[in-house]
Amino acid sequence: MNTFMGLKIVVDSIFDDCPRMQVSSRFAELMPEQFVIDLNGWMREFFGTENRMVSVGDEALLMGPKGYEVLLRECTR
C-alpha cells in the first residue's frame, strides 16, 4: 500500500517509539547534561512511548513501520 484514501504514505522509523514526555529544551539548557539524560530516561520508562502519525495537509501521511502495520491490519479487516 503506497497510498491511503489518496494520501501518499511515507514510512520512517523515527515515528515509532517516541517518548510520551521529555524535558523542554529550555529546562535542558539550565540543568546539568547528565541530569537531563537521567530524567528523560526515567520519564520514558514511567510514561512510555507512542507511535506517531503526522498528516501533511491533503498530500501525505508520515508514520513508522509499526503504525503502518496497524494501518494494513485495520484495512484488511
Foldseek 3Di string as FASTA:
>chain_A
DQADPQAGEAADQVQPFAQPDADDPVVCVVDDVVVRVVVRVVSCVVVHGHRDWDDDPSHHIYTYPVVVVVVVVVVVD
